[in-house]
PDB file of N, CA and C in Angstrom:
ATOM      1  N   MET A   1      18.229 115.809 -43.460  1.00  0.00           N
ATOM      2  CA  MET A   1      17.833 116.877 -44.413  1.00  0.00           C
ATOM      3  C   MET A   1      19.137 117.484 -44.899  1.00  0.00           C
ATOM      4  N   HIS A   2      20.228 117.591 -44.250  1.00  0.00           N
ATOM      5  CA  HIS A   2      21.446 118.048 -44.769  1.00  0.00           C
ATOM      6  C   HIS A   2      22.453 116.903 -45.069  1.00  0.00           C
ATOM      7  N   PHE A   3      23.031 117.094 -46.207  1.00  0.00           N
ATOM      8  CA  PHE A   3      23.929 115.955 -46.809  1.00  0.00           C
ATOM      9  C   PHE A   3      25.272 116.403 -46.628  1.00  0.00           C
ATOM     10  N   ILE A   4      25.766 117.411 -46.198  1.00  0.00           N
ATOM     11  CA  ILE A   4      27.221 117.790 -45.941  1.00  0.00           C
ATOM     12  C   ILE A   4      27.606 117.289 -44.633  1.00  0.00           C
ATOM     13  N   GLN A   5      28.664 116.435 -44.602  1.00  0.00           N
ATOM     14  CA  GLN A   5      29.278 115.994 -43.464  1.00  0.00           C
ATOM     15  C   GLN A   5      30.755 116.517 -43.267  1.00  0.00           C
ATOM     16  N   PRO A   6      31.002 116.894 -42.060  1.00  0.00           N
ATOM     17  CA  PRO A   6      32.419 117.575 -41.802  1.00  0.00           C
ATOM     18  C   PRO A   6      33.528 116.343 -42.156  1.00  0.00           C
ATOM     19  N   ILE A   7      34.632 116.841 -42.809  1.00  0.00           N
ATOM     20  CA  ILE A   7      35.757 115.907 -43.147  1.00  0.00           C
ATOM     21  C   ILE A   7      36.651 115.720 -42.089  1.00  0.00           C
ATOM     22  N   TYR A   8      36.926 116.925 -41.305  1.00  0.00           N
ATOM     23  CA  TYR A   8      37.764 116.830 -40.095  1.00  0.00           C
ATOM     24  C   TYR A   8      37.155 116.637 -38.811  1.00  0.00           C
ATOM     25  N   VAL A   9      37.773 115.970 -37.856  1.00  0.00           N
ATOM     26  CA  VAL A   9      37.346 115.712 -36.505  1.00  0.00           C
ATOM     27  C   VAL A   9      38.267 116.279 -35.531  1.00  0.00           C
ATOM     28  N   VAL A  10      37.873 117.097 -34.657  1.00  0.00           N
ATOM     29  CA  VAL A  10      38.805 117.638 -33.548  1.00  0.00           C
ATOM     30  C   VAL A  10      39.100 116.625 -32.527  1.00  0.00           C
ATOM     31  N   ARG A  11      40.215 116.112 -32.358  1.00  0.00           N
ATOM     32  CA  ARG A  11      40.562 115.157 -31.322  1.00  0.00           C
ATOM     33  C   ARG A  11      40.903 115.826 -29.979  1.00  0.00           C
ATOM     34  N   PRO A  12      40.844 115.039 -28.819  1.00  0.00           N
ATOM     35  CA  PRO A  12      41.209 115.576 -27.533  1.00  0.00           C
ATOM     36  C   PRO A  12      42.718 115.937 -27.611  1.00  0.00           C
ATOM     37  N   PHE A  13      43.083 116.923 -26.788  1.00  0.00           N
ATOM     38  CA  PHE A  13      44.433 117.375 -26.602  1.00  0.00           C
ATOM     39  C   PHE A  13      45.290 116.383 -26.187  1.00  0.00           C
ATOM     40  N   ASN A  14      46.442 116.153 -26.850  1.00  0.00           N
ATOM     41  CA  ASN A  14      47.586 115.246 -26.396  1.00  0.00           C
ATOM     42  C   ASN A  14      48.914 115.969 -26.183  1.00  0.00           C
ATOM     43  N   LEU A  15      49.322 116.207 -25.006  1.00  0.00           N
ATOM     44  CA  LEU A  15      50.475 116.866 -24.757  1.00  0.00           C
ATOM     45  C   LEU A  15      51.697 116.388 -25.448  1.00  0.00           C
ATOM     46  N   SER A  16      51.997 115.174 -25.458  1.00  0.00           N
ATOM     47  CA  SER A  16      53.222 114.608 -26.155  1.00  0.00           C
ATOM     48  C   SER A  16      53.121 114.928 -27.556  1.00  0.00           C
ATOM     49  N   LEU A  17      51.876 114.731 -28.258  1.00  0.00           N
ATOM     50  CA  LEU A  17      51.908 114.970 -29.700  1.00  0.00           C
ATOM     51  C   LEU A  17      52.063 116.445 -29.991  1.00  0.00           C
ATOM     52  N   ALA A  18      51.594 117.344 -29.074  1.00  0.00           N
ATOM     53  CA  ALA A  18      51.721 118.682 -29.178  1.00  0.00           C
ATOM     54  C   ALA A  18      53.217 119.086 -29.064  1.00  0.00           C
ATOM     55  N   ALA A  19      53.953 118.476 -28.180  1.00  0.00           N
ATOM     56  CA  ALA A  19      55.318 118.837 -28.078  1.00  0.00           C
ATOM     57  C   ALA A  19      56.164 118.387 -29.252  1.00  0.00           C
ATOM     58  N   VAL A  20      55.826 117.099 -29.761  1.00  0.00           N
ATOM     59  CA  VAL A  20      56.475 116.620 -31.004  1.00  0.00           C
ATOM     60  C   VAL A  20      56.186 117.660 -32.115  1.00  0.00           C
ATOM     61  N   LEU A  21      55.092 118.004 -32.304  1.00  0.00           N
ATOM     62  CA  LEU A  21      54.833 119.010 -33.394  1.00  0.00           C
ATOM     63  C   LEU A  21      55.501 120.329 -33.262  1.00  0.00           C
ATOM     64  N   VAL A  22      55.677 120.797 -32.059  1.00  0.00           N
ATOM     65  CA  VAL A  22      56.487 122.116 -31.780  1.00  0.00           C
ATOM     66  C   VAL A  22      57.934 121.737 -32.080  1.00  0.00           C
ATOM     67  N   VAL A  23      58.417 120.787 -31.642  1.00  0.00           N
ATOM     68  CA  VAL A  23      59.891 120.513 -31.984  1.00  0.00           C
ATOM     69  C   VAL A  23      60.094 120.273 -33.472  1.00  0.00           C
ATOM     70  N   ILE A  24      59.346 119.557 -34.098  1.00  0.00           N
ATOM     71  CA  ILE A  24      59.590 119.266 -35.490  1.00  0.00           C
ATOM     72  C   ILE A  24      59.394 120.557 -36.335  1.00  0.00           C
ATOM     73  N   THR A  25      58.282 121.429 -35.977  1.00  0.00           N
ATOM     74  CA  THR A  25      58.199 122.656 -36.757  1.00  0.00           C
ATOM     75  C   THR A  25      59.435 123.616 -36.437  1.00  0.00           C
ATOM     76  N   SER A  26      59.856 123.575 -35.188  1.00  0.00           N
ATOM     77  CA  SER A  26      61.001 124.357 -35.033  1.00  0.00           C
ATOM     78  C   SER A  26      62.271 123.925 -35.762  1.00  0.00           C
ATOM     79  N   ILE A  27      62.474 122.608 -35.794  1.00  0.00           N
ATOM     80  CA  ILE A  27      63.692 122.133 -36.628  1.00  0.00           C
ATOM     81  C   ILE A  27      63.492 122.474 -38.021  1.00  0.00           C
ATOM     82  N   VAL A  28      62.484 122.232 -38.751  1.00  0.00           N
ATOM     83  CA  VAL A  28      62.155 122.626 -39.978  1.00  0.00           C
ATOM     84  C   VAL A  28      62.371 123.989 -40.319  1.00  0.00           C
ATOM     85  N   GLY A  29      61.884 124.878 -39.387  1.00  0.00           N
ATOM     86  CA  GLY A  29      62.052 126.311 -39.520  1.00  0.00           C
ATOM     87  C   GLY A  29      63.405 126.845 -39.468  1.00  0.00           C
ATOM     88  N   PHE A  30      64.221 126.056 -38.520  1.00  0.00           N
ATOM     89  CA  PHE A  30      65.637 126.416 -38.416  1.00  0.00           C
ATOM     90  C   PHE A  30      66.294 125.980 -39.688  1.00  0.00           C
ATOM     91  N   VAL A  31      66.021 124.917 -40.165  1.00  0.00           N
ATOM     92  CA  VAL A  31      66.900 124.302 -41.347  1.00  0.00           C
ATOM     93  C   VAL A  31      66.512 125.208 -42.526  1.00  0.00           C
ATOM     94  N   VAL A  32      65.235 125.760 -42.719  1.00  0.00           N
ATOM     95  CA  VAL A  32      64.952 126.448 -43.950  1.00  0.00           C
ATOM     96  C   VAL A  32      65.480 127.866 -43.753  1.00  0.00           C
ATOM     97  N   ALA A  33      65.531 128.388 -42.560  1.00  0.00           N
ATOM     98  CA  ALA A  33      66.147 129.743 -42.409  1.00  0.00           C
ATOM     99  C   ALA A  33      67.622 129.595 -42.465  1.00  0.00           C
ATOM    100  N   PHE A  34      68.236 128.511 -42.100  1.00  0.00           N
ATOM    101  CA  PHE A  34      69.761 128.265 -42.287  1.00  0.00           C
ATOM    102  C   PHE A  34      70.029 128.200 -43.861  1.00  0.00           C
ATOM    103  N   VAL A  35      69.379 127.424 -44.488  1.00  0.00           N
ATOM    104  CA  VAL A  35      69.616 127.370 -46.027  1.00  0.00           C
ATOM    105  C   VAL A  35      69.518 128.640 -46.658  1.00  0.00           C
ATOM    106  N   PHE A  36      68.215 129.316 -46.356  1.00  0.00           N
ATOM    107  CA  PHE A  36      68.094 130.690 -47.009  1.00  0.00           C
ATOM    108  C   PHE A  36      69.154 131.641 -46.767  1.00  0.00           C
ATOM    109  N   SER A  37      69.611 131.613 -45.432  1.00  0.00           N
ATOM    110  CA  SER A  37      70.729 132.588 -45.052  1.00  0.00           C
ATOM    111  C   SER A  37      72.103 132.180 -45.780  1.00  0.00           C
ATOM    112  N   ARG A  38      72.314 130.946 -45.989  1.00  0.00           N
ATOM    113  CA  ARG A  38      73.572 130.570 -46.820  1.00  0.00           C
ATOM    114  C   ARG A  38      73.525 131.018 -48.104  1.00  0.00           C
ATOM    115  N   ILE A  39      72.297 130.897 -48.798  1.00  0.00           N
ATOM    116  CA  ILE A  39      72.134 131.273 -50.151  1.00  0.00           C
ATOM    117  C   ILE A  39      72.041 132.879 -50.248  1.00  0.00           C
ATOM    118  N   TRP A  40      71.475 133.431 -49.296  1.00  0.00           N
ATOM    119  CA  TRP A  40      71.540 134.920 -49.320  1.00  0.00           C
ATOM    120  C   TRP A  40      73.038 135.521 -49.173  1.00  0.00           C
ATOM    121  N   ASN A  41      73.837 134.940 -48.253  1.00  0.00           N
ATOM    122  CA  ASN A  41      75.146 135.266 -48.156  1.00  0.00           C
ATOM    123  C   ASN A  41      75.927 135.016 -49.365  1.00  0.00           C
ATOM    124  N   LYS A  42      75.722 133.915 -50.015  1.00  0.00           N
ATOM    125  CA  LYS A  42      76.451 133.594 -51.155  1.00  0.00           C
ATOM    126  C   LYS A  42      76.148 134.725 -52.371  1.00  0.00           C
ATOM    127  N   LEU A  43      74.981 135.041 -52.382  1.00  0.00           N
ATOM    128  CA  LEU A  43      74.524 135.863 -53.528  1.00  0.00           C
ATOM    129  C   LEU A  43      74.885 137.376 -53.114  1.00  0.00           C
ATOM    130  N   HIS A  44      75.135 137.804 -52.104  1.00  0.00           N
ATOM    131  CA  HIS A  44      75.368 139.106 -51.624  1.00  0.00           C
ATOM    132  C   HIS A  44      76.762 139.403 -51.162  1.00  0.00           C
ATOM    133  N   LEU A  45      77.691 138.700 -51.649  1.00  0.00           N
ATOM    134  CA  LEU A  45      79.111 138.945 -51.281  1.00  0.00           C
ATOM    135  C   LEU A  45      79.680 140.263 -51.756  1.00  0.00           C
ATOM    136  N   CYS A  46      80.268 141.042 -51.133  1.00  0.00           N
ATOM    137  CA  CYS A  46      80.854 142.372 -51.469  1.00  0.00           C
ATOM    138  C   CYS A  46      82.133 142.288 -52.059  1.00  0.00           C
TER     139      CYS A  46
END
């Protein structure tokens, strides 16, 4: 009767994949914050 099918499927929890995701997200966040702080400091020199 319904023609809509879900696109995403929830997979079982995988601890190693979750740990890798946390590490990669942390590294990317650190790099973005570091670059932003360098730009901010260059633009706001007294």
